[in-house]
PDB file of N, CA and C in Angstrom:
ATOM      1  N   UNK A   1     -83.367 -35.082 -80.124  1.00  0.00           N
ATOM      2  CA  UNK A   1     -82.470 -36.214 -80.273  1.00  0.00           C
ATOM      3  C   UNK A   1     -83.182 -37.464 -79.746  1.00  0.00           C
ATOM      4  N   UNK A   2     -83.278 -38.519 -80.565  1.00  0.00           N
ATOM      5  CA  UNK A   2     -83.991 -39.721 -80.125  1.00  0.00           C
ATOM      6  C   UNK A   2     -83.216 -40.478 -79.056  1.00  0.00           C
ATOM      7  N   UNK A   3     -83.974 -41.133 -78.176  1.00  0.00           N
ATOM      8  CA  UNK A   3     -83.368 -41.938 -77.125  1.00  0.00           C
ATOM      9  C   UNK A   3     -82.987 -43.290 -77.719  1.00  0.00           C
ATOM     10  N   UNK A   4     -81.745 -43.659 -77.607  1.00  0.00           N
ATOM     11  CA  UNK A   4     -81.277 -44.917 -78.178  1.00  0.00           C
ATOM     12  C   UNK A   4     -81.313 -46.054 -77.166  1.00  0.00           C
ATOM     13  N   UNK A   5     -81.729 -45.785 -75.953  1.00  0.00           N
ATOM     14  CA  UNK A   5     -81.800 -46.833 -74.945  1.00  0.00           C
ATOM     15  C   UNK A   5     -80.423 -47.187 -74.420  1.00  0.00           C
ATOM     16  N   UNK A   6     -80.372 -48.254 -73.693  1.00  0.00           N
ATOM     17  CA  UNK A   6     -79.107 -48.699 -73.112  1.00  0.00           C
ATOM     18  C   UNK A   6     -78.283 -49.416 -74.179  1.00  0.00           C
ATOM     19  N   UNK A   7     -77.066 -48.984 -74.347  1.00  0.00           N
ATOM     20  CA  UNK A   7     -76.182 -49.579 -75.331  1.00  0.00           C
ATOM     21  C   UNK A   7     -75.372 -50.680 -74.655  1.00  0.00           C
ATOM     22  N   UNK A   8     -75.364 -51.860 -75.277  1.00  0.00           N
ATOM     23  CA  UNK A   8     -74.637 -53.001 -74.749  1.00  0.00           C
ATOM     24  C   UNK A   8     -73.246 -53.047 -75.368  1.00  0.00           C
ATOM     25  N   UNK A   9     -72.262 -53.415 -74.564  1.00  0.00           N
ATOM     26  CA  UNK A   9     -70.940 -53.616 -75.129  1.00  0.00           C
ATOM     27  C   UNK A   9     -70.923 -54.957 -75.863  1.00  0.00           C
ATOM     28  N   UNK A  10     -69.985 -55.106 -76.757  1.00  0.00           N
ATOM     29  CA  UNK A  10     -69.883 -56.345 -77.539  1.00  0.00           C
ATOM     30  C   UNK A  10     -69.613 -57.537 -76.622  1.00  0.00           C
ATOM     31  N   UNK A  11     -68.762 -57.365 -75.628  1.00  0.00           N
ATOM     32  CA  UNK A  11     -68.439 -58.437 -74.698  1.00  0.00           C
ATOM     33  C   UNK A  11     -69.669 -58.862 -73.910  1.00  0.00           C
ATOM     34  N   UNK A  12     -70.414 -57.889 -73.413  1.00  0.00           N
ATOM     35  CA  UNK A  12     -71.628 -58.179 -72.644  1.00  0.00           C
ATOM     36  C   UNK A  12     -72.623 -58.946 -73.514  1.00  0.00           C
ATOM     37  N   UNK A  13     -72.811 -58.517 -74.743  1.00  0.00           N
ATOM     38  CA  UNK A  13     -73.739 -59.173 -75.654  1.00  0.00           C
ATOM     39  C   UNK A  13     -73.314 -60.612 -75.929  1.00  0.00           C
ATOM     40  N   UNK A  14     -72.029 -60.831 -76.184  1.00  0.00           N
ATOM     41  CA  UNK A  14     -71.531 -62.176 -76.466  1.00  0.00           C
ATOM     42  C   UNK A  14     -71.717 -63.097 -75.271  1.00  0.00           C
ATOM     43  N   UNK A  15     -71.427 -62.589 -74.079  1.00  0.00           N
ATOM     44  CA  UNK A  15     -71.581 -63.409 -72.882  1.00  0.00           C
ATOM     45  C   UNK A  15     -73.048 -63.691 -72.591  1.00  0.00           C
ATOM     46  N   UNK A  16     -73.917 -62.719 -72.820  1.00  0.00           N
ATOM     47  CA  UNK A  16     -75.347 -62.930 -72.614  1.00  0.00           C
ATOM     48  C   UNK A  16     -75.876 -63.962 -73.615  1.00  0.00           C
ATOM     49  N   UNK A  17     -75.413 -63.889 -74.847  1.00  0.00           N
ATOM     50  CA  UNK A  17     -75.837 -64.850 -75.865  1.00  0.00           C
ATOM     51  C   UNK A  17     -75.372 -66.260 -75.522  1.00  0.00           C
ATOM     52  N   UNK A  18     -74.146 -66.372 -75.042  1.00  0.00           N
ATOM     53  CA  UNK A  18     -73.609 -67.686 -74.654  1.00  0.00           C
ATOM     54  C   UNK A  18     -74.402 -68.253 -73.473  1.00  0.00           C
ATOM     55  N   UNK A  19     -74.719 -67.407 -72.491  1.00  0.00           N
ATOM     56  CA  UNK A  19     -75.482 -67.855 -71.332  1.00  0.00           C
ATOM     57  C   UNK A  19     -76.885 -68.290 -71.751  1.00  0.00           C
ATOM     58  N   UNK A  20     -77.486 -67.573 -72.670  1.00  0.00           N
ATOM     59  CA  UNK A  20     -78.804 -67.935 -73.188  1.00  0.00           C
ATOM     60  C   UNK A  20     -78.748 -69.317 -73.843  1.00  0.00           C
ATOM     61  N   UNK A  21     -77.706 -69.570 -74.610  1.00  0.00           N
ATOM     62  CA  UNK A  21     -77.538 -70.867 -75.255  1.00  0.00           C
ATOM     63  C   UNK A  21     -77.362 -71.981 -74.218  1.00  0.00           C
ATOM     64  N   UNK A  22     -76.610 -71.713 -73.167  1.00  0.00           N
ATOM     65  CA  UNK A  22     -76.397 -72.712 -72.118  1.00  0.00           C
ATOM     66  C   UNK A  22     -77.687 -72.998 -71.357  1.00  0.00           C
ATOM     67  N   UNK A  23     -78.474 -71.962 -71.088  1.00  0.00           N
ATOM     68  CA  UNK A  23     -79.769 -72.174 -70.440  1.00  0.00           C
ATOM     69  C   UNK A  23     -80.675 -73.021 -71.325  1.00  0.00           C
ATOM     70  N   UNK A  24     -80.639 -72.763 -72.616  1.00  0.00           N
ATOM     71  CA  UNK A  24     -81.461 -73.545 -73.535  1.00  0.00           C
ATOM     72  C   UNK A  24     -81.053 -75.017 -73.511  1.00  0.00           C
ATOM     73  N   UNK A  25     -79.747 -75.281 -73.535  1.00  0.00           N
ATOM     74  CA  UNK A  25     -79.256 -76.655 -73.460  1.00  0.00           C
ATOM     75  C   UNK A  25     -79.728 -77.331 -72.181  1.00  0.00           C
ATOM     76  N   UNK A  26     -79.616 -76.630 -71.066  1.00  0.00           N
ATOM     77  CA  UNK A  26     -80.040 -77.195 -69.793  1.00  0.00           C
ATOM     78  C   UNK A  26     -81.537 -77.479 -69.779  1.00  0.00           C
ATOM     79  N   UNK A  27     -82.331 -76.575 -70.346  1.00  0.00           N
ATOM     80  CA  UNK A  27     -83.774 -76.769 -70.403  1.00  0.00           C
ATOM     81  C   UNK A  27     -84.129 -77.950 -71.298  1.00  0.00           C
ATOM     82  N   UNK A  28     -83.471 -78.058 -72.442  1.00  0.00           N
ATOM     83  CA  UNK A  28     -83.758 -79.163 -73.358  1.00  0.00           C
ATOM     84  C   UNK A  28     -83.364 -80.507 -72.766  1.00  0.00           C
ATOM     85  N   UNK A  29     -82.346 -80.528 -71.923  1.00  0.00           N
ATOM     86  CA  UNK A  29     -81.921 -81.767 -71.274  1.00  0.00           C
ATOM     87  C   UNK A  29     -82.702 -82.053 -69.993  1.00  0.00           C
ATOM     88  N   UNK A  30     -83.685 -81.203 -69.705  1.00  0.00           N
ATOM     89  CA  UNK A  30     -84.559 -81.349 -68.536  1.00  0.00           C
ATOM     90  C   UNK A  30     -83.787 -81.245 -67.218  1.00  0.00           C
ATOM     91  N   UNK A  31     -82.677 -80.496 -67.222  1.00  0.00           N
ATOM     92  CA  UNK A  31     -81.918 -80.256 -65.996  1.00  0.00           C
ATOM     93  C   UNK A  31     -82.576 -79.156 -65.163  1.00  0.00           C
ATOM     94  N   UNK A  32     -83.258 -78.229 -65.838  1.00  0.00           N
ATOM     95  CA  UNK A  32     -84.026 -77.205 -65.144  1.00  0.00           C
ATOM     96  C   UNK A  32     -85.424 -77.184 -65.756  1.00  0.00           C
ATOM     97  N   UNK A  33     -86.418 -76.870 -64.939  1.00  0.00           N
ATOM     98  CA  UNK A  33     -87.793 -76.870 -65.453  1.00  0.00           C
ATOM     99  C   UNK A  33     -88.138 -75.495 -66.021  1.00  0.00           C
ATOM    100  N   UNK A  34     -89.366 -75.360 -66.517  1.00  0.00           N
ATOM    101  CA  UNK A  34     -89.783 -74.129 -67.196  1.00  0.00           C
ATOM    102  C   UNK A  34     -89.772 -72.928 -66.256  1.00  0.00           C
ATOM    103  N   UNK A  35     -90.238 -73.126 -65.027  1.00  0.00           N
ATOM    104  CA  UNK A  35     -90.290 -72.016 -64.070  1.00  0.00           C
ATOM    105  C   UNK A  35     -88.878 -71.507 -63.740  1.00  0.00           C
ATOM    106  N   UNK A  36     -87.945 -72.431 -63.536  1.00  0.00           N
ATOM    107  CA  UNK A  36     -86.564 -72.040 -63.260  1.00  0.00           C
ATOM    108  C   UNK A  36     -85.944 -71.331 -64.468  1.00  0.00           C
ATOM    109  N   UNK A  37     -86.286 -71.787 -65.651  1.00  0.00           N
ATOM    110  CA  UNK A  37     -85.761 -71.163 -66.865  1.00  0.00           C
ATOM    111  C   UNK A  37     -86.264 -69.733 -67.002  1.00  0.00           C
ATOM    112  N   UNK A  38     -87.559 -69.525 -66.755  1.00  0.00           N
ATOM    113  CA  UNK A  38     -88.123 -68.171 -66.839  1.00  0.00           C
ATOM    114  C   UNK A  38     -87.440 -67.265 -65.824  1.00  0.00           C
ATOM    115  N   UNK A  39     -87.250 -67.754 -64.605  1.00  0.00           N
ATOM    116  CA  UNK A  39     -86.591 -66.962 -63.566  1.00  0.00           C
ATOM    117  C   UNK A  39     -85.153 -66.627 -63.969  1.00  0.00           C
ATOM    118  N   UNK A  40     -84.444 -67.596 -64.527  1.00  0.00           N
ATOM    119  CA  UNK A  40     -83.057 -67.371 -64.947  1.00  0.00           C
ATOM    120  C   UNK A  40     -82.988 -66.333 -66.064  1.00  0.00           C
ATOM    121  N   UNK A  41     -83.908 -66.404 -67.018  1.00  0.00           N
ATOM    122  CA  UNK A  41     -83.911 -65.433 -68.113  1.00  0.00           C
ATOM    123  C   UNK A  41     -84.256 -64.036 -67.605  1.00  0.00           C
ATOM    124  N   UNK A  42     -85.167 -63.951 -66.658  1.00  0.00           N
ATOM    125  CA  UNK A  42     -85.503 -62.644 -66.084  1.00  0.00           C
ATOM    126  C   UNK A  42     -84.308 -62.070 -65.331  1.00  0.00           C
ATOM    127  N   UNK A  43     -83.536 -62.926 -64.699  1.00  0.00           N
ATOM    128  CA  UNK A  43     -82.389 -62.473 -63.927  1.00  0.00           C
ATOM    129  C   UNK A  43     -81.298 -61.878 -64.819  1.00  0.00           C
ATOM    130  N   UNK A  44     -81.202 -62.357 -66.056  1.00  0.00           N
ATOM    131  CA  UNK A  44     -80.164 -61.816 -66.943  1.00  0.00           C
ATOM    132  C   UNK A  44     -80.669 -60.686 -67.817  1.00  0.00           C
ATOM    133  N   UNK A  45     -81.934 -60.244 -67.604  1.00  0.00           N
ATOM    134  CA  UNK A  45     -82.357 -59.023 -68.266  1.00  0.00           C
ATOM    135  C   UNK A  45     -83.567 -59.107 -69.167  1.00  0.00           C
ATOM    136  N   UNK A  46     -84.176 -60.251 -69.314  1.00  0.00           N
ATOM    137  CA  UNK A  46     -85.362 -60.366 -70.143  1.00  0.00           C
ATOM    138  C   UNK A  46     -86.600 -60.048 -69.320  1.00  0.00           C
ATOM    139  N   UNK A  47     -87.624 -59.501 -69.968  1.00  0.00           N
ATOM    140  CA  UNK A  47     -88.879 -59.248 -69.261  1.00  0.00           C
ATOM    141  C   UNK A  47     -89.595 -60.585 -69.057  1.00  0.00           C
ATOM    142  N   UNK A  48     -90.596 -60.566 -68.190  1.00  0.00           N
ATOM    143  CA  UNK A  48     -91.291 -61.821 -67.877  1.00  0.00           C
ATOM    144  C   UNK A  48     -91.980 -62.401 -69.109  1.00  0.00           C
ATOM    145  N   UNK A  49     -92.614 -61.550 -69.902  1.00  0.00           N
ATOM    146  CA  UNK A  49     -93.327 -62.066 -71.075  1.00  0.00           C
ATOM    147  C   UNK A  49     -92.368 -62.635 -72.116  1.00  0.00           C
ATOM    148  N   UNK A  50     -91.250 -61.976 -72.328  1.00  0.00           N
ATOM    149  CA  UNK A  50     -90.256 -62.476 -73.288  1.00  0.00           C
ATOM    150  C   UNK A  50     -89.664 -63.785 -72.781  1.00  0.00           C
ATOM    151  N   UNK A  51     -89.383 -63.868 -71.482  1.00  0.00           N
ATOM    152  CA  UNK A  51     -88.818 -65.087 -70.903  1.00  0.00           C
ATOM    153  C   UNK A  51     -89.790 -66.258 -71.043  1.00  0.00           C
ATOM    154  N   UNK A  52     -91.063 -66.010 -70.785  1.00  0.00           N
ATOM    155  CA  UNK A  52     -92.075 -67.062 -70.934  1.00  0.00           C
ATOM    156  C   UNK A  52     -92.199 -67.480 -72.394  1.00  0.00           C
ATOM    157  N   UNK A  53     -92.196 -66.507 -73.299  1.00  0.00           N
ATOM    158  CA  UNK A  53     -92.293 -66.822 -74.723  1.00  0.00           C
ATOM    159  C   UNK A  53     -91.108 -67.659 -75.203  1.00  0.00           C
ATOM    160  N   UNK A  54     -89.910 -67.277 -74.788  1.00  0.00           N
ATOM    161  CA  UNK A  54     -88.716 -68.048 -75.182  1.00  0.00           C
ATOM    162  C   UNK A  54     -88.785 -69.472 -74.651  1.00  0.00           C
ATOM    163  N   UNK A  55     -89.178 -69.610 -73.391  1.00  0.00           N
ATOM    164  CA  UNK A  55     -89.265 -70.938 -72.787  1.00  0.00           C
ATOM    165  C   UNK A  55     -90.292 -71.790 -73.516  1.00  0.00           C
ATOM    166  N   UNK A  56     -91.422 -71.201 -73.860  1.00  0.00           N
ATOM    167  CA  UNK A  56     -92.451 -71.949 -74.601  1.00  0.00           C
ATOM    168  C   UNK A  56     -91.959 -72.347 -75.991  1.00  0.00           C
ATOM    169  N   UNK A  57     -91.208 -71.461 -76.640  1.00  0.00           N
ATOM    170  CA  UNK A  57     -90.637 -71.786 -77.956  1.00  0.00           C
ATOM    171  C   UNK A  57     -89.672 -72.962 -77.846  1.00  0.00           C
ATOM    172  N   UNK A  58     -88.829 -72.941 -76.820  1.00  0.00           N
ATOM    173  CA  UNK A  58     -87.865 -74.020 -76.628  1.00  0.00           C
ATOM    174  C   UNK A  58     -88.569 -75.334 -76.322  1.00  0.00           C
ATOM    175  N   UNK A  59     -89.694 -75.258 -75.615  1.00  0.00           N
ATOM    176  CA  UNK A  59     -90.427 -76.464 -75.243  1.00  0.00           C
ATOM    177  C   UNK A  59     -91.063 -77.111 -76.474  1.00  0.00           C
ATOM    178  N   UNK A  60     -91.502 -76.299 -77.415  1.00  0.00           N
ATOM    179  CA  UNK A  60     -92.183 -76.814 -78.611  1.00  0.00           C
ATOM    180  C   UNK A  60     -91.185 -77.369 -79.618  1.00  0.00           C
ATOM    181  N   UNK A  61     -90.035 -76.722 -79.757  1.00  0.00           N
ATOM    182  CA  UNK A  61     -89.054 -77.137 -80.755  1.00  0.00           C
ATOM    183  C   UNK A  61     -88.370 -78.427 -80.319  1.00  0.00           C
ATOM    184  N   UNK A  62     -88.159 -79.341 -81.269  1.00  0.00           N
ATOM    185  CA  UNK A  62     -87.452 -80.576 -80.912  1.00  0.00           C
ATOM    186  C   UNK A  62     -85.972 -80.286 -80.661  1.00  0.00           C
ATOM    187  N   UNK A  63     -85.450 -80.814 -79.582  1.00  0.00           N
ATOM    188  CA  UNK A  63     -84.045 -80.609 -79.246  1.00  0.00           C
ATOM    189  C   UNK A  63     -83.220 -81.806 -79.679  1.00  0.00           C
ATOM    190  N   UNK A  64     -81.944 -81.578 -79.827  1.00  0.00           N
ATOM    191  CA  UNK A  64     -81.052 -82.669 -80.184  1.00  0.00           C
ATOM    192  C   UNK A  64     -80.373 -83.150 -78.913  1.00  0.00           C
ATOM    193  N   UNK A  65     -80.667 -84.372 -78.548  1.00  0.00           N
ATOM    194  CA  UNK A  65     -80.113 -84.945 -77.329  1.00  0.00           C
ATOM    195  C   UNK A  65     -78.869 -85.751 -77.666  1.00  0.00           C
ATOM    196  N   UNK A  66     -77.715 -85.149 -77.514  1.00  0.00           N
ATOM    197  CA  UNK A  66     -76.463 -85.858 -77.726  1.00  0.00           C
ATOM    198  C   UNK A  66     -75.969 -86.370 -76.384  1.00  0.00           C
ATOM    199  N   UNK A  67     -75.313 -87.521 -76.372  1.00  0.00           N
ATOM    200  CA  UNK A  67     -74.777 -88.013 -75.097  1.00  0.00           C
ATOM    201  C   UNK A  67     -73.769 -87.020 -74.524  1.00  0.00           C
ATOM    202  N   UNK A  68     -73.752 -86.948 -73.211  1.00  0.00           N
ATOM    203  CA  UNK A  68     -72.891 -85.975 -72.556  1.00  0.00           C
ATOM    204  C   UNK A  68     -72.161 -86.641 -71.395  1.00  0.00           C
ATOM    205  N   UNK A  69     -70.871 -86.353 -71.272  1.00  0.00           N
ATOM    206  CA  UNK A  69     -70.081 -86.927 -70.193  1.00  0.00           C
ATOM    207  C   UNK A  69     -70.187 -86.060 -68.946  1.00  0.00           C
ATOM    208  N   UNK A  70     -69.748 -86.600 -67.825  1.00  0.00           N
ATOM    209  CA  UNK A  70     -69.743 -85.840 -66.570  1.00  0.00           C
ATOM    210  C   UNK A  70     -68.879 -84.586 -66.707  1.00  0.00           C
ATOM    211  N   UNK A  71     -67.783 -84.704 -67.440  1.00  0.00           N
ATOM    212  CA  UNK A  71     -66.894 -83.562 -67.646  1.00  0.00           C
ATOM    213  C   UNK A  71     -67.624 -82.433 -68.369  1.00  0.00           C
ATOM    214  N   UNK A  72     -68.406 -82.777 -69.379  1.00  0.00           N
ATOM    215  CA  UNK A  72     -69.169 -81.770 -70.118  1.00  0.00           C
ATOM    216  C   UNK A  72     -70.222 -81.109 -69.235  1.00  0.00           C
ATOM    217  N   UNK A  73     -70.882 -81.899 -68.411  1.00  0.00           N
ATOM    218  CA  UNK A  73     -71.897 -81.359 -67.502  1.00  0.00           C
ATOM    219  C   UNK A  73     -71.270 -80.371 -66.531  1.00  0.00           C
ATOM    220  N   UNK A  74     -70.150 -80.753 -65.926  1.00  0.00           N
ATOM    221  CA  UNK A  74     -69.464 -79.873 -64.970  1.00  0.00           C
ATOM    222  C   UNK A  74     -68.966 -78.604 -65.652  1.00  0.00           C
ATOM    223  N   UNK A  75     -68.461 -78.740 -66.884  1.00  0.00           N
ATOM    224  CA  UNK A  75     -67.981 -77.575 -67.623  1.00  0.00           C
ATOM    225  C   UNK A  75     -69.119 -76.606 -67.901  1.00  0.00           C
ATOM    226  N   UNK A  76     -70.266 -77.144 -68.328  1.00  0.00           N
ATOM    227  CA  UNK A  76     -71.403 -76.293 -68.634  1.00  0.00           C
ATOM    228  C   UNK A  76     -71.908 -75.593 -67.379  1.00  0.00           C
ATOM    229  N   UNK A  77     -72.010 -76.301 -66.270  1.00  0.00           N
ATOM    230  CA  UNK A  77     -72.477 -75.681 -65.027  1.00  0.00           C
ATOM    231  C   UNK A  77     -71.511 -74.605 -64.541  1.00  0.00           C
ATOM    232  N   UNK A  78     -70.208 -74.859 -64.683  1.00  0.00           N
ATOM    233  CA  UNK A  78     -69.203 -73.873 -64.282  1.00  0.00           C
ATOM    234  C   UNK A  78     -69.281 -72.633 -65.180  1.00  0.00           C
ATOM    235  N   UNK A  79     -69.480 -72.847 -66.474  1.00  0.00           N
ATOM    236  CA  UNK A  79     -69.579 -71.733 -67.412  1.00  0.00           C
ATOM    237  C   UNK A  79     -70.842 -70.908 -67.156  1.00  0.00           C
ATOM    238  N   UNK A  80     -71.961 -71.572 -66.853  1.00  0.00           N
ATOM    239  CA  UNK A  80     -73.199 -70.863 -66.519  1.00  0.00           C
ATOM    240  C   UNK A  80     -72.985 -69.987 -65.300  1.00  0.00           C
ATOM    241  N   UNK A  81     -72.365 -70.542 -64.270  1.00  0.00           N
ATOM    242  CA  UNK A  81     -72.121 -69.788 -63.044  1.00  0.00           C
ATOM    243  C   UNK A  81     -71.241 -68.567 -63.298  1.00  0.00           C
ATOM    244  N   UNK A  82     -70.177 -68.758 -64.057  1.00  0.00           N
ATOM    245  CA  UNK A  82     -69.253 -67.669 -64.353  1.00  0.00           C
ATOM    246  C   UNK A  82     -69.927 -66.555 -65.153  1.00  0.00           C
ATOM    247  N   UNK A  83     -70.651 -66.930 -66.200  1.00  0.00           N
ATOM    248  CA  UNK A  83     -71.321 -65.931 -67.036  1.00  0.00           C
ATOM    249  C   UNK A  83     -72.421 -65.208 -66.270  1.00  0.00           C
ATOM    250  N   UNK A  84     -73.161 -65.938 -65.450  1.00  0.00           N
ATOM    251  CA  UNK A  84     -74.231 -65.333 -64.666  1.00  0.00           C
ATOM    252  C   UNK A  84     -73.655 -64.305 -63.692  1.00  0.00           C
ATOM    253  N   UNK A  85     -72.558 -64.644 -63.035  1.00  0.00           N
ATOM    254  CA  UNK A  85     -71.926 -63.704 -62.109  1.00  0.00           C
ATOM    255  C   UNK A  85     -71.435 -62.456 -62.835  1.00  0.00           C
ATOM    256  N   UNK A  86     -70.860 -62.619 -64.031  1.00  0.00           N
ATOM    257  CA  UNK A  86     -70.392 -61.472 -64.813  1.00  0.00           C
ATOM    258  C   UNK A  86     -71.557 -60.547 -65.162  1.00  0.00           C
ATOM    259  N   UNK A  87     -72.654 -61.131 -65.675  1.00  0.00           N
ATOM    260  CA  UNK A  87     -73.792 -60.313 -66.091  1.00  0.00           C
ATOM    261  C   UNK A  87     -74.424 -59.592 -64.909  1.00  0.00           C
ATOM    262  N   UNK A  88     -74.498 -60.251 -63.769  1.00  0.00           N
ATOM    263  CA  UNK A  88     -75.068 -59.607 -62.582  1.00  0.00           C
ATOM    264  C   UNK A  88     -74.180 -58.452 -62.131  1.00  0.00           C
ATOM    265  N   UNK A  89     -72.868 -58.670 -62.129  1.00  0.00           N
ATOM    266  CA  UNK A  89     -71.948 -57.581 -61.748  1.00  0.00           C
ATOM    267  C   UNK A  89     -72.087 -56.394 -62.681  1.00  0.00           C
ATOM    268  N   UNK A  90     -72.193 -56.655 -63.969  1.00  0.00           N
ATOM    269  CA  UNK A  90     -72.302 -55.556 -64.939  1.00  0.00           C
ATOM    270  C   UNK A  90     -73.633 -54.823 -64.797  1.00  0.00           C
ATOM    271  N   UNK A  91     -74.703 -55.545 -64.507  1.00  0.00           N
ATOM    272  CA  UNK A  91     -76.018 -54.903 -64.331  1.00  0.00           C
ATOM    273  C   UNK A  91     -76.047 -54.044 -63.073  1.00  0.00           C
ATOM    274  N   UNK A  92     -75.274 -54.453 -62.067  1.00  0.00           N
ATOM    275  CA  UNK A  92     -75.217 -53.658 -60.837  1.00  0.00           C
ATOM    276  C   UNK A  92     -74.265 -52.484 -60.968  1.00  0.00           C
ATOM    277  N   UNK A  93     -73.520 -52.429 -62.060  1.00  0.00           N
ATOM    278  CA  UNK A  93     -72.655 -51.282 -62.309  1.00  0.00           C
ATOM    279  C   UNK A  93     -71.233 -51.450 -61.834  1.00  0.00           C
ATOM    280  N   UNK A  94     -70.869 -52.649 -61.449  1.00  0.00           N
ATOM    281  CA  UNK A  94     -69.500 -52.895 -60.993  1.00  0.00           C
ATOM    282  C   UNK A  94     -68.714 -53.484 -62.143  1.00  0.00           C
ATOM    283  N   UNK A  95     -67.607 -52.877 -62.467  1.00  0.00           N
ATOM    284  CA  UNK A  95     -66.776 -53.365 -63.552  1.00  0.00           C
ATOM    285  C   UNK A  95     -66.023 -54.594 -63.111  1.00  0.00           C
ATOM    286  N   UNK A  96     -65.809 -55.522 -64.047  1.00  0.00           N
ATOM    287  CA  UNK A  96     -65.149 -56.797 -63.733  1.00  0.00           C
ATOM    288  C   UNK A  96     -63.664 -56.613 -63.511  1.00  0.00           C
TER     289      UNK A  96
END
């Protein structure tokens, strides 16, 4: 019987994808630097090489800089914190 690896739940996948998108937005807006981005991606489950590759891809691609209000910034930071805490709890094996 072949090993299928770790199976992700749909909720976990959606939250990880959303967090990845938020990290990308923060990186494109220069709120976090490349080293912090790599560390953040490794913390949510990516290997070091994949995290570095993603960060380099984001750095090369042109980003769309739309104006952002303080409310949007606070919302994004709060959402990043919430999603990061959820993913860490799930990786440690504690159900939410």
